[in-house]
Amino acid sequence: MMKLTPFHLAIPVKNLEESRLFYGQLLECEEGRSTKHWIDYNFFGHQLVCHISKTIAKASCENPVDNKQVPIPHFGVVLEMEKWQELRDKLIKHKIKFVVKPYIRFKGKAGEQATMFFYDPSGNALEFKAFNDIQGELFKK
């Protein structure tokens, strides 16, 4: 298996302080470099950059998956099941509105996974998922 390397993703946000609360405090992403126009975050080992933008397009479409409407585009990470459950509980405690509430997708089939979708304060769609065996199940057909 190829060694994973960090991805870099830049997203538009309407307010850096809202981003600090959401990504920095709620999701506990360490803040890196920043200016008055952008903030770097360590997003679970990846580089996420929030750039101020006056125009932000919300997810442009949805796609049916497992009888749920999944926002596209979206991004997120695959977590260990225990970490996913901790995040789910924290999001529920903080009354995050889910686009797709936390549940087990593809139950009993290849690719069975825990998943949840929600938006950041600027309307960027995120998905966090988990598998019982990430290496064995992530790309299982």
C-alpha atoms as a PDB file:
ATOM      1  CA  MET A   1       0.000   0.000   0.000  1.00  0.00           C
ATOM      2  CA  MET A   2       1.214   3.465  -0.888  1.00  0.00           C
ATOM      3  CA  LYS A   3       2.115   5.753   2.013  1.00  0.00           C
ATOM      4  CA  LEU A   4      -0.512   8.459   2.373  1.00  0.00           C
ATOM      5  CA  THR A   5       0.663  12.018   2.017  1.00  0.00           C
ATOM      6  CA  PRO A   6      -1.211  15.107   3.216  1.00  0.00           C
ATOM      7  CA  PHE A   7      -3.593  16.776   0.801  1.00  0.00           C
ATOM      8  CA  HIS A   8      -3.987  20.546   0.496  1.00  0.00           C
ATOM      9  CA  LEU A   9      -7.464  22.024   0.157  1.00  0.00           C
ATOM     10  CA  ALA A  10      -8.385  25.709   0.002  1.00  0.00           C
ATOM     11  CA  ILE A  11     -12.010  26.646   0.692  1.00  0.00           C
ATOM     12  CA  PRO A  12     -13.920  29.929   0.718  1.00  0.00           C
ATOM     13  CA  VAL A  13     -15.269  31.255   4.002  1.00  0.00           C
ATOM     14  CA  LYS A  14     -17.279  34.354   4.793  1.00  0.00           C
ATOM     15  CA  ASN A  15     -15.753  35.073   8.207  1.00  0.00           C
ATOM     16  CA  LEU A  16     -12.393  34.024   9.677  1.00  0.00           C
ATOM     17  CA  GLU A  17     -13.564  34.237  13.285  1.00  0.00           C
ATOM     18  CA  GLU A  18     -16.459  31.845  12.541  1.00  0.00           C
ATOM     19  CA  SER A  19     -13.907  29.564  10.911  1.00  0.00           C
ATOM     20  CA  ARG A  20     -11.706  29.729  14.005  1.00  0.00           C
ATOM     21  CA  LEU A  21     -14.640  28.704  16.179  1.00  0.00           C
ATOM     22  CA  PHE A  22     -15.719  25.902  13.844  1.00  0.00           C
ATOM     23  CA  TYR A  23     -12.411  24.430  12.644  1.00  0.00           C
ATOM     24  CA  GLY A  24     -10.181  25.552  15.508  1.00  0.00           C
ATOM     25  CA  GLN A  25     -12.412  24.997  18.530  1.00  0.00           C
ATOM     26  CA  LEU A  26     -15.194  22.602  17.523  1.00  0.00           C
ATOM     27  CA  LEU A  27     -13.165  20.318  15.241  1.00  0.00           C
ATOM     28  CA  GLU A  28      -9.959  20.983  17.248  1.00  0.00           C
ATOM     29  CA  CYS A  29      -7.794  21.659  14.197  1.00  0.00           C
ATOM     30  CA  GLU A  30      -4.522  23.363  15.083  1.00  0.00           C
ATOM     31  CA  GLU A  31      -4.140  26.771  13.466  1.00  0.00           C
ATOM     32  CA  GLY A  32      -0.996  27.361  11.435  1.00  0.00           C
ATOM     33  CA  ARG A  33      -0.007  30.424   9.457  1.00  0.00           C
ATOM     34  CA  SER A  34      -2.609  33.105   8.901  1.00  0.00           C
ATOM     35  CA  THR A  35      -3.170  36.617   7.604  1.00  0.00           C
ATOM     36  CA  LYS A  36      -6.220  38.868   7.638  1.00  0.00           C
ATOM     37  CA  HIS A  37      -7.351  37.041   4.464  1.00  0.00           C
ATOM     38  CA  TRP A  38      -6.753  33.340   5.224  1.00  0.00           C
ATOM     39  CA  ILE A  39      -5.991  30.729   7.901  1.00  0.00           C
ATOM     40  CA  ASP A  40      -4.103  27.426   7.578  1.00  0.00           C
ATOM     41  CA  TYR A  41      -5.357  24.493   9.657  1.00  0.00           C
ATOM     42  CA  ASN A  42      -3.946  21.078  10.417  1.00  0.00           C
ATOM     43  CA  PHE A  43      -7.087  19.231   9.337  1.00  0.00           C
ATOM     44  CA  PHE A  44      -6.448  15.744  10.722  1.00  0.00           C
ATOM     45  CA  GLY A  45      -2.937  15.745   9.255  1.00  0.00           C
ATOM     46  CA  HIS A  46      -3.891  17.572   6.057  1.00  0.00           C
ATOM     47  CA  GLN A  47      -3.571  21.243   5.114  1.00  0.00           C
ATOM     48  CA  LEU A  48      -6.890  23.074   4.982  1.00  0.00           C
ATOM     49  CA  VAL A  49      -6.800  26.768   4.117  1.00  0.00           C
ATOM     50  CA  CYS A  50      -9.820  28.973   4.752  1.00  0.00           C
ATOM     51  CA  HIS A  51      -9.784  31.990   2.431  1.00  0.00           C
ATOM     52  CA  ILE A  52     -12.105  34.974   2.880  1.00  0.00           C
ATOM     53  CA  SER A  53     -14.483  35.268  -0.065  1.00  0.00           C
ATOM     54  CA  LYS A  54     -17.346  37.635  -0.797  1.00  0.00           C
ATOM     55  CA  THR A  55     -19.072  35.051  -2.964  1.00  0.00           C
ATOM     56  CA  ILE A  56     -19.529  31.531  -1.685  1.00  0.00           C
ATOM     57  CA  ALA A  57     -21.454  28.925  -3.614  1.00  0.00           C
ATOM     58  CA  LYS A  58     -23.231  26.356  -1.477  1.00  0.00           C
ATOM     59  CA  ALA A  59     -23.080  22.715  -2.549  1.00  0.00           C
ATOM     60  CA  SER A  60     -24.311  22.871  -6.126  1.00  0.00           C
ATOM     61  CA  CYS A  61     -26.104  19.547  -6.286  1.00  0.00           C
ATOM     62  CA  GLU A  62     -26.998  16.422  -4.413  1.00  0.00           C
ATOM     63  CA  ASN A  63     -26.537  12.791  -5.290  1.00  0.00           C
ATOM     64  CA  PRO A  64     -28.643   9.943  -3.901  1.00  0.00           C
ATOM     65  CA  VAL A  65     -26.540   7.471  -1.898  1.00  0.00           C
ATOM     66  CA  ASP A  66     -28.160   4.783   0.256  1.00  0.00           C
ATOM     67  CA  ASN A  67     -31.500   6.641   0.000  1.00  0.00           C
ATOM     68  CA  LYS A  68     -29.980   9.892   1.327  1.00  0.00           C
ATOM     69  CA  GLN A  69     -29.249  13.115  -0.571  1.00  0.00           C
ATOM     70  CA  VAL A  70     -25.488  13.739  -0.344  1.00  0.00           C
ATOM     71  CA  PRO A  71     -24.275  17.316  -1.013  1.00  0.00           C
ATOM     72  CA  ILE A  72     -21.710  17.749  -3.790  1.00  0.00           C
ATOM     73  CA  PRO A  73     -19.025  18.928  -3.517  1.00  0.00           C
ATOM     74  CA  HIS A  74     -17.989  17.886  -0.023  1.00  0.00           C
ATOM     75  CA  PHE A  75     -14.788  16.955   1.815  1.00  0.00           C
ATOM     76  CA  GLY A  76     -13.772  15.342   5.066  1.00  0.00           C
ATOM     77  CA  VAL A  77     -11.707  12.538   6.528  1.00  0.00           C
ATOM     78  CA  VAL A  78     -11.945   8.876   7.405  1.00  0.00           C
ATOM     79  CA  LEU A  79     -11.539   8.357  11.130  1.00  0.00           C
ATOM     80  CA  GLU A  80     -11.094   5.360  13.385  1.00  0.00           C
ATOM     81  CA  MET A  81     -14.549   4.278  14.595  1.00  0.00           C
ATOM     82  CA  GLU A  82     -13.971   5.403  18.179  1.00  0.00           C
ATOM     83  CA  LYS A  83     -12.823   8.880  17.044  1.00  0.00           C
ATOM     84  CA  TRP A  84     -15.832   9.126  14.680  1.00  0.00           C
ATOM     85  CA  GLN A  85     -18.180   8.302  17.564  1.00  0.00           C
ATOM     86  CA  GLU A  86     -16.509  10.920  19.772  1.00  0.00           C
ATOM     87  CA  LEU A  87     -16.869  13.541  17.033  1.00  0.00           C
ATOM     88  CA  ARG A  88     -20.494  12.560  16.393  1.00  0.00           C
ATOM     89  CA  ASP A  89     -21.296  12.958  20.091  1.00  0.00           C
ATOM     90  CA  LYS A  90     -19.521  16.320  20.246  1.00  0.00           C
ATOM     91  CA  LEU A  91     -21.387  17.622  17.182  1.00  0.00           C
ATOM     92  CA  ILE A  92     -24.711  16.487  18.637  1.00  0.00           C
ATOM     93  CA  LYS A  93     -23.841  18.169  21.967  1.00  0.00           C
ATOM     94  CA  HIS A  94     -23.088  21.406  20.076  1.00  0.00           C
ATOM     95  CA  LYS A  95     -26.377  21.113  18.161  1.00  0.00           C
ATOM     96  CA  ILE A  96     -24.792  20.962  14.707  1.00  0.00           C
ATOM     97  CA  LYS A  97     -27.497  20.596  12.073  1.00  0.00           C
ATOM     98  CA  PHE A  98     -26.779  17.475  10.031  1.00  0.00           C
ATOM     99  CA  VAL A  99     -27.509  17.271   6.312  1.00  0.00           C
ATOM    100  CA  VAL A 100     -27.297  13.487   6.696  1.00  0.00           C
ATOM    101  CA  LYS A 101     -27.586  12.421  10.309  1.00  0.00           C
ATOM    102  CA  PRO A 102     -24.965  10.001  11.653  1.00  0.00           C
ATOM    103  CA  TYR A 103     -25.750   6.412  10.663  1.00  0.00           C
ATOM    104  CA  ILE A 104     -24.259   3.199   9.289  1.00  0.00           C
ATOM    105  CA  ARG A 105     -24.280   3.213   5.478  1.00  0.00           C
ATOM    106  CA  PHE A 106     -24.248   0.032   3.354  1.00  0.00           C
ATOM    107  CA  LYS A 107     -25.002  -2.067   6.442  1.00  0.00           C
ATOM    108  CA  GLY A 108     -23.985  -5.690   5.895  1.00  0.00           C
ATOM    109  CA  LYS A 109     -22.437  -4.916   2.472  1.00  0.00           C
ATOM    110  CA  ALA A 110     -18.956  -4.184   1.124  1.00  0.00           C
ATOM    111  CA  GLY A 111     -17.978  -0.691   2.208  1.00  0.00           C
ATOM    112  CA  GLU A 112     -20.102  -0.655   5.383  1.00  0.00           C
ATOM    113  CA  GLN A 113     -19.266   2.614   7.114  1.00  0.00           C
ATOM    114  CA  ALA A 114     -20.378   5.130   9.675  1.00  0.00           C
ATOM    115  CA  THR A 115     -21.030   8.501   8.050  1.00  0.00           C
ATOM    116  CA  MET A 116     -22.416  11.965   8.705  1.00  0.00           C
ATOM    117  CA  PHE A 117     -22.689  15.150   6.659  1.00  0.00           C
ATOM    118  CA  PHE A 118     -22.960  18.745   7.850  1.00  0.00           C
ATOM    119  CA  TYR A 119     -22.046  22.272   6.730  1.00  0.00           C
ATOM    120  CA  ASP A 120     -19.497  24.665   8.168  1.00  0.00           C
ATOM    121  CA  PRO A 121     -20.725  28.216   8.941  1.00  0.00           C
ATOM    122  CA  SER A 122     -19.890  29.298   5.368  1.00  0.00           C
ATOM    123  CA  GLY A 123     -21.854  26.498   3.716  1.00  0.00           C
ATOM    124  CA  ASN A 124     -18.981  24.145   2.860  1.00  0.00           C
ATOM    125  CA  ALA A 125     -20.222  20.546   3.071  1.00  0.00           C
ATOM    126  CA  LEU A 126     -18.210  18.081   5.147  1.00  0.00           C
ATOM    127  CA  GLU A 127     -18.434  14.310   5.489  1.00  0.00           C
ATOM    128  CA  PHE A 128     -16.777  12.335   8.242  1.00  0.00           C
ATOM    129  CA  LYS A 129     -16.797   8.574   7.962  1.00  0.00           C
ATOM    130  CA  ALA A 130     -15.342   5.552   9.720  1.00  0.00           C
ATOM    131  CA  PHE A 131     -14.865   1.861   9.066  1.00  0.00           C
ATOM    132  CA  ASN A 132     -14.302  -0.944  11.543  1.00  0.00           C
ATOM    133  CA  ASP A 133     -11.200  -1.852   9.459  1.00  0.00           C
ATOM    134  CA  ILE A 134     -10.098   1.174   7.400  1.00  0.00           C
ATOM    135  CA  GLN A 135      -7.322  -0.627   5.499  1.00  0.00           C
ATOM    136  CA  GLY A 136      -9.476  -3.621   4.648  1.00  0.00           C
ATOM    137  CA  GLU A 137     -12.733  -1.832   3.892  1.00  0.00           C
ATOM    138  CA  LEU A 138     -11.996   1.644   2.501  1.00  0.00           C
ATOM    139  CA  PHE A 139     -11.733   0.523  -1.131  1.00  0.00           C
ATOM    140  CA  LYS A 140     -13.453  -2.862  -0.847  1.00  0.00           C
ATOM    141  CA  LYS A 141     -15.651  -3.708  -3.839  1.00  0.00           C
END
